[in-house]
Amino acid sequence: MNLVSSSATLPYSPEVALRTAPVYERVRDVIPAIEWPVHAPLIDRINQLKKQRNAVILAHNYQTPEIFHGVADLSGDSLALARQATQTDAEVIVLCGVHFMAETAAILNPDKRVLIPDLEAGCSLASSITAADVRLLKQRYPGVPVVTYVNTSAAVKAETDVCCTSANAVEVVESLGVERVIFLPDEYLGRYVASQTEVELILWHGSCEVHERFTPEQVRSFRQGHEGLIVLAHPECPPNVLAEADYVGSTSGMIGYVGERQPRNVVMITECSMSDNVAVEHPNVNFIRPCNLCPHMKRITLAKILRSLETLDHRVTIDPAIAARARQSVERMLAVGRGAGR
């Protein structure tokens, strides 16, 4: 069977419209009707091809709504995606996120084909530190355990005692039972974790290019004209931004807050697509939408996802020796608070 077809020639036919109608009903408030004939044929073809390839699509919360709600089988923050990657029986995993997330999936699934639709989907945090940097830190602070944010390369994870995400960073740090840890690479997340624990943190000067651009003045401007506005902020934001927030937490934590509290007006101080994706599930909540885009996340498109399924590229491969060591640090993270994650 010839599985390859050009996305440029996929028609928006009445049959496609009918098959994708349930998806459009979900996203109609966040995707303009004029755009749907462009998205629908790709969504329809991807969902057909997934079954033929025995593939599963994992999408991060920062993916656009047509991906997040249109083709993703599993979705969530970095911690959720790491857990879900270990639980699928599919032969192929298509990771709709950035490269370190695909590496994490490949680390945890050495016998599966893990694909990323665009090899250039990187991360400013992952680029801010190397394995050599970690080795030098360990020489400078002998015996001090290293806790590394999952927003890092496999090579950095291989030099790490345990990984963490923004959802479980405090829990991971405290699980070590020590007075001091090296915490890498996000300085702002590290400062937030330090404010929540008695453990001393040795920090690195990495930051997220999306979250570091937010300012307290922006947050205060959002409050103007929106009575009772609730501000939810990601801990990768600078401390003076977090000081303006009503709640600080991971993307999954923010989603849980909205679902439980149902605020009348809310703003999520994080990547742009989050608000659109959460708004689909909570039509009665008014989302004020700041728009700091992650240029790397936005490299993932429906057309590139389709091409990945057609060609089974781009496969993420990791040196087995590095993967084995990195797997230990990721598995230690997953073991902390297992079953109680967000």
Protein backbone atom coordinates (compact mmCIF):
# COMPACT_ATOMS: atom_id res chain seq x y z
CA MET A 1 0.00 0.00 0.00
CA ASN A 2 1.31 3.43 -0.91
CA LEU A 3 1.02 5.58 2.20
CA VAL A 4 2.65 8.68 0.77
CA SER A 5 0.45 11.57 -0.35
CA SER A 6 1.09 15.25 -0.80
CA SER A 7 -0.55 17.39 1.86
CA ALA A 8 -0.75 20.20 -0.68
CA THR A 9 -3.28 18.22 -2.75
CA LEU A 10 -5.59 17.08 0.04
CA PRO A 11 -9.09 18.42 -0.76
CA TYR A 12 -11.64 19.77 1.68
CA SER A 13 -14.47 17.56 0.50
CA PRO A 14 -17.92 17.04 2.01
CA GLU A 15 -16.67 13.67 3.29
CA VAL A 16 -13.72 15.32 5.05
CA ALA A 17 -16.01 17.97 6.50
CA LEU A 18 -18.31 15.27 7.87
CA ARG A 19 -15.50 13.19 9.38
CA THR A 20 -13.88 16.19 11.06
CA ALA A 21 -17.12 17.86 12.19
CA PRO A 22 -16.83 16.57 15.80
CA VAL A 23 -13.35 18.08 16.08
CA TYR A 24 -14.49 21.42 14.72
CA GLU A 25 -17.39 21.55 17.16
CA ARG A 26 -14.82 21.40 19.97
CA VAL A 27 -12.48 24.06 18.59
CA ARG A 28 -14.83 26.42 16.78
CA ASP A 29 -14.39 29.13 19.41
CA VAL A 30 -10.59 29.17 19.06
CA ILE A 31 -10.10 28.40 15.33
CA PRO A 32 -11.77 30.79 12.85
CA ALA A 33 -14.16 29.13 10.40
CA ILE A 34 -12.15 30.47 7.46
CA GLU A 35 -9.13 28.42 8.61
CA TRP A 36 -10.92 25.11 9.03
CA PRO A 37 -10.85 24.03 5.34
CA VAL A 38 -7.05 24.28 5.55
CA HIS A 39 -6.73 22.22 8.74
CA ALA A 40 -9.48 19.63 8.23
CA PRO A 41 -7.97 17.62 5.33
CA LEU A 42 -4.67 17.32 7.21
CA ILE A 43 -6.38 16.31 10.44
CA ASP A 44 -8.46 13.73 8.58
CA ARG A 45 -5.46 12.20 6.80
CA ILE A 46 -3.29 12.16 9.94
CA ASN A 47 -5.97 10.39 11.96
CA GLN A 48 -6.33 7.76 9.23
CA LEU A 49 -2.60 7.28 8.88
CA LYS A 50 -2.03 6.89 12.62
CA LYS A 51 -4.06 3.70 12.58
CA GLN A 52 -2.19 2.30 9.58
CA ARG A 53 1.17 3.06 11.16
CA ASN A 54 0.18 1.88 14.66
CA ALA A 55 1.29 5.30 15.81
CA VAL A 56 0.39 7.51 18.74
CA ILE A 57 0.72 11.30 18.79
CA LEU A 58 1.85 13.00 22.00
CA ALA A 59 1.30 16.77 22.15
CA HIS A 60 2.57 19.28 24.66
CA ASN A 61 0.21 21.90 26.09
CA TYR A 62 1.94 24.58 23.99
CA GLN A 63 0.90 23.05 20.67
CA THR A 64 -1.71 24.87 18.62
CA PRO A 65 -5.38 23.84 19.01
CA GLU A 66 -5.63 22.10 15.63
CA ILE A 67 -2.83 19.77 16.80
CA PHE A 68 -3.72 19.56 20.48
CA HIS A 69 -7.42 18.86 19.93
CA GLY A 70 -7.33 17.64 16.32
CA VAL A 71 -4.78 14.83 16.18
CA ALA A 72 -3.21 14.27 19.61
CA ASP A 73 -3.94 10.96 21.33
CA LEU A 74 -2.18 11.98 24.54
CA SER A 75 -1.38 15.46 25.78
CA GLY A 76 -0.07 17.32 28.78
CA ASP A 77 2.99 18.93 30.31
CA SER A 78 6.51 17.50 30.26
CA LEU A 79 5.88 15.21 33.23
CA ALA A 80 2.64 13.85 31.78
CA LEU A 81 4.24 13.22 28.39
CA ALA A 82 7.17 11.40 30.00
CA ARG A 83 4.78 9.13 31.89
CA GLN A 84 2.52 8.56 28.90
CA ALA A 85 5.48 7.66 26.71
CA THR A 86 6.13 4.64 28.94
CA GLN A 87 2.55 3.42 28.78
CA THR A 88 1.74 3.25 25.08
CA ASP A 89 1.72 0.02 23.08
CA ALA A 90 2.07 1.84 19.76
CA GLU A 91 5.07 1.01 17.57
CA VAL A 92 5.58 4.65 16.59
CA ILE A 93 5.53 7.74 18.81
CA VAL A 94 5.21 11.15 17.15
CA LEU A 95 6.24 13.79 19.68
CA CYS A 96 4.64 17.15 19.01
CA GLY A 97 6.79 19.34 21.19
CA VAL A 98 10.48 20.17 21.25
CA HIS A 99 13.55 18.00 20.79
CA PHE A 100 14.34 17.28 24.44
CA MET A 101 10.81 15.89 24.87
CA ALA A 102 11.31 13.53 21.93
CA GLU A 103 14.66 12.50 23.40
CA THR A 104 12.96 11.74 26.72
CA ALA A 105 10.39 9.57 24.93
CA ALA A 106 13.19 7.77 23.07
CA ILE A 107 15.14 7.25 26.31
CA LEU A 108 12.12 5.60 27.91
CA ASN A 109 11.18 3.60 24.79
CA PRO A 110 14.39 2.23 23.26
CA ASP A 111 12.47 -0.34 21.22
CA LYS A 112 10.01 2.11 19.66
CA ARG A 113 10.46 4.50 16.76
CA VAL A 114 10.19 8.02 18.18
CA LEU A 115 9.70 10.79 15.63
CA ILE A 116 9.80 14.56 15.85
CA PRO A 117 8.18 16.43 12.93
CA ASP A 118 10.91 19.12 12.85
CA LEU A 119 14.50 18.55 13.99
CA GLU A 120 14.96 22.30 14.53
CA ALA A 121 12.32 22.40 17.29
CA GLY A 122 14.78 23.19 20.06
CA CYS A 123 14.67 24.93 23.44
CA SER A 124 16.57 27.90 24.86
CA LEU A 125 16.88 26.14 28.21
CA ALA A 126 18.25 22.96 26.69
CA SER A 127 20.76 25.04 24.74
CA SER A 128 21.92 26.91 27.84
CA ILE A 129 23.92 24.03 29.34
CA THR A 130 26.10 21.14 28.16
CA ALA A 131 27.24 17.86 29.66
CA ALA A 132 30.72 19.38 30.06
CA ASP A 133 29.20 22.22 32.12
CA VAL A 134 27.60 19.70 34.46
CA ARG A 135 30.83 17.78 34.87
CA LEU A 136 32.65 20.98 35.83
CA LEU A 137 29.97 21.81 38.40
CA LYS A 138 30.30 18.36 39.93
CA GLN A 139 34.04 18.89 40.22
CA ARG A 140 33.47 22.24 41.90
CA TYR A 141 30.86 20.86 44.32
CA PRO A 142 31.95 17.26 44.94
CA GLY A 143 29.30 15.02 46.44
CA VAL A 144 26.45 17.49 45.87
CA PRO A 145 23.61 15.76 43.96
CA VAL A 146 22.46 17.22 40.65
CA VAL A 147 18.76 17.84 39.97
CA THR A 148 18.14 18.71 36.33
CA TYR A 149 15.01 20.08 34.72
CA VAL A 150 13.79 17.84 31.90
CA ASN A 151 14.23 20.79 29.52
CA THR A 152 17.75 19.51 28.78
CA SER A 153 19.53 17.23 26.35
CA ALA A 154 19.99 13.51 26.90
CA ALA A 155 23.72 14.13 27.37
CA VAL A 156 22.99 16.51 30.27
CA LYS A 157 20.49 14.08 31.78
CA ALA A 158 23.20 11.42 31.67
CA GLU A 159 25.30 13.55 34.04
CA THR A 160 22.37 14.02 36.42
CA ASP A 161 21.29 12.23 39.59
CA VAL A 162 17.58 12.88 39.05
CA CYS A 163 15.43 14.91 36.68
CA CYS A 164 12.41 17.03 37.54
CA THR A 165 9.68 19.05 35.88
CA SER A 166 8.08 22.28 37.03
CA ALA A 167 5.22 20.18 38.41
CA ASN A 168 7.38 18.11 40.76
CA ALA A 169 10.61 20.10 41.21
CA VAL A 170 10.11 20.86 44.91
CA GLU A 171 9.12 17.25 45.62
CA VAL A 172 12.15 15.90 43.77
CA VAL A 173 14.58 18.24 45.54
CA GLU A 174 13.23 17.32 48.95
CA SER A 175 13.15 13.60 48.15
CA LEU A 176 16.96 13.51 48.19
CA GLY A 177 17.11 14.24 51.91
CA VAL A 178 20.18 16.48 51.63
CA GLU A 179 20.93 20.07 52.66
CA ARG A 180 22.20 21.27 49.29
CA VAL A 181 21.67 20.39 45.61
CA ILE A 182 22.84 21.64 42.23
CA PHE A 183 19.70 22.68 40.35
CA LEU A 184 19.91 23.08 36.56
CA PRO A 185 19.48 24.92 34.24
CA ASP A 186 16.54 27.32 34.78
CA GLU A 187 17.54 30.08 37.20
CA TYR A 188 14.01 31.39 37.65
CA LEU A 189 12.49 27.98 38.30
CA GLY A 190 15.37 27.38 40.70
CA ARG A 191 14.64 30.60 42.57
CA TYR A 192 11.00 29.61 42.88
CA VAL A 193 11.91 26.13 44.16
CA ALA A 194 14.34 27.72 46.64
CA SER A 195 11.48 29.84 47.99
CA GLN A 196 9.45 26.68 48.66
CA THR A 197 12.05 24.56 50.45
CA GLU A 198 14.75 24.72 53.12
CA VAL A 199 17.21 22.96 50.80
CA GLU A 200 20.00 25.21 49.49
CA LEU A 201 20.08 25.36 45.69
CA ILE A 202 23.16 26.04 43.58
CA LEU A 203 21.75 27.59 40.39
CA TRP A 204 22.72 27.92 36.75
CA HIS A 205 21.96 31.01 34.63
CA GLY A 206 19.60 29.46 32.07
CA SER A 207 16.16 30.82 31.20
CA CYS A 208 13.20 30.27 28.91
CA GLU A 209 12.99 32.80 26.10
CA VAL A 210 9.18 32.79 26.34
CA HIS A 211 8.75 33.26 30.09
CA GLU A 212 11.65 35.63 30.70
CA ARG A 213 9.98 38.27 28.48
CA PHE A 214 7.01 38.75 30.82
CA THR A 215 7.16 41.77 33.12
CA PRO A 216 5.27 42.80 36.28
CA GLU A 217 4.02 45.87 34.40
CA GLN A 218 2.34 43.56 31.87
CA VAL A 219 0.63 41.62 34.62
CA ARG A 220 -0.66 44.80 36.24
CA SER A 221 -1.94 46.02 32.87
CA PHE A 222 -3.87 42.77 32.42
CA ARG A 223 -5.68 43.42 35.69
CA GLN A 224 -6.90 46.82 34.52
CA GLY A 225 -10.38 46.58 33.09
CA HIS A 226 -10.93 42.95 34.11
CA GLU A 227 -12.72 42.75 37.42
CA GLY A 228 -11.47 39.99 39.69
CA LEU A 229 -8.87 38.81 37.19
CA ILE A 230 -7.01 35.71 38.39
CA VAL A 231 -3.36 35.59 37.32
CA LEU A 232 -1.76 32.16 36.88
CA ALA A 233 1.99 32.16 36.25
CA HIS A 234 4.53 29.54 35.28
CA PRO A 235 7.54 29.29 37.63
CA GLU A 236 9.91 29.82 34.69
CA CYS A 237 8.88 33.50 34.87
CA PRO A 238 11.09 36.05 36.69
CA PRO A 239 10.46 36.38 40.45
CA ASN A 240 8.97 39.89 40.14
CA VAL A 241 6.36 38.45 37.75
CA LEU A 242 5.54 35.57 40.10
CA ALA A 243 5.08 38.13 42.88
CA GLU A 244 2.16 39.59 40.90
CA ALA A 245 0.42 36.23 40.44
CA ASP A 246 -2.44 34.68 42.37
CA TYR A 247 -1.17 31.17 41.63
CA VAL A 248 2.20 29.79 40.51
CA GLY A 249 2.40 26.35 38.96
CA SER A 250 3.14 24.11 36.01
CA THR A 251 0.92 24.04 32.94
CA SER A 252 -0.93 21.05 34.40
CA GLY A 253 -1.31 22.94 37.66
CA MET A 254 -2.83 25.90 35.82
CA ILE A 255 -5.25 23.65 33.99
CA GLY A 256 -6.28 22.06 37.28
CA TYR A 257 -6.79 25.49 38.86
CA VAL A 258 -9.14 26.62 36.09
CA GLY A 259 -11.06 23.36 36.16
CA GLU A 260 -11.54 23.43 39.92
CA ARG A 261 -12.09 27.16 40.50
CA GLN A 262 -13.79 28.22 37.25
CA PRO A 263 -12.67 31.86 37.59
CA ARG A 264 -14.71 34.44 35.74
CA ASN A 265 -11.62 36.10 34.23
CA VAL A 266 -8.19 34.48 34.06
CA VAL A 267 -4.82 35.07 32.44
CA MET A 268 -2.13 32.42 32.04
CA ILE A 269 1.36 33.88 32.10
CA THR A 270 2.93 31.28 29.85
CA GLU A 271 3.11 30.30 26.18
CA CYS A 272 0.40 31.62 23.91
CA SER A 273 -1.40 28.42 22.86
CA MET A 274 -2.12 27.30 26.42
CA SER A 275 -5.07 29.66 26.77
CA ASP A 276 -6.64 28.48 23.51
CA ASN A 277 -6.31 24.81 24.44
CA VAL A 278 -7.73 25.25 27.94
CA ALA A 279 -10.50 27.56 26.73
CA VAL A 280 -11.90 24.73 24.61
CA GLU A 281 -12.67 22.80 27.80
CA HIS A 282 -13.98 25.80 29.76
CA PRO A 283 -16.22 27.97 27.54
CA ASN A 284 -17.66 29.84 30.54
CA VAL A 285 -14.25 31.21 31.57
CA ASN A 286 -13.02 34.43 29.97
CA PHE A 287 -9.35 34.07 29.06
CA ILE A 288 -7.23 37.19 28.72
CA ARG A 289 -4.61 36.12 26.20
CA PRO A 290 -1.03 37.32 26.42
CA CYS A 291 0.83 36.16 23.35
CA ASN A 292 4.42 35.19 23.92
CA LEU A 293 4.98 32.49 21.32
CA CYS A 294 7.58 29.76 21.56
CA PRO A 295 9.22 29.79 18.11
CA HIS A 296 10.38 26.21 18.59
CA MET A 297 6.98 24.77 19.52
CA LYS A 298 5.47 26.57 16.55
CA ARG A 299 7.80 24.75 14.17
CA ILE A 300 5.49 21.74 14.62
CA THR A 301 2.61 21.90 12.13
CA LEU A 302 -0.04 19.55 10.83
CA ALA A 303 1.75 19.30 7.48
CA LYS A 304 4.99 18.28 9.19
CA ILE A 305 3.18 15.74 11.37
CA LEU A 306 1.65 14.19 8.25
CA ARG A 307 5.04 14.08 6.57
CA SER A 308 6.52 12.33 9.62
CA LEU A 309 3.85 9.65 9.46
CA GLU A 310 4.26 9.24 5.72
CA THR A 311 8.06 8.94 5.75
CA LEU A 312 8.67 7.83 9.38
CA ASP A 313 11.12 10.73 9.79
CA HIS A 314 12.71 12.33 11.73
CA ARG A 315 13.69 9.50 14.04
CA VAL A 316 15.27 10.53 17.34
CA THR A 317 18.26 8.37 18.18
CA ILE A 318 20.56 8.55 21.20
CA ASP A 319 23.91 6.90 21.86
CA PRO A 320 23.02 3.78 23.90
CA ALA A 321 25.59 4.53 26.62
CA ILE A 322 24.21 8.05 27.10
CA ALA A 323 20.62 6.81 26.91
CA ALA A 324 21.20 4.22 29.63
CA ARG A 325 22.56 6.79 32.07
CA ALA A 326 19.92 9.37 31.15
CA ARG A 327 17.19 6.76 31.63
CA GLN A 328 18.21 6.31 35.25
CA SER A 329 17.76 10.01 36.03
CA VAL A 330 14.37 10.14 34.29
CA GLU A 331 13.14 6.94 35.95
CA ARG A 332 14.17 8.29 39.35
CA MET A 333 12.03 11.35 38.62
CA LEU A 334 9.05 9.21 37.66
CA ALA A 335 9.45 7.18 40.84
CA VAL A 336 9.10 10.29 43.06
CA GLY A 337 5.46 10.57 44.10
CA ARG A 338 4.43 7.93 41.57
CA GLY A 339 0.69 7.81 41.25
CA ALA A 340 0.22 11.26 42.73
CA GLY A 341 1.37 13.36 39.79
CA ARG A 342 -0.52 16.27 38.32
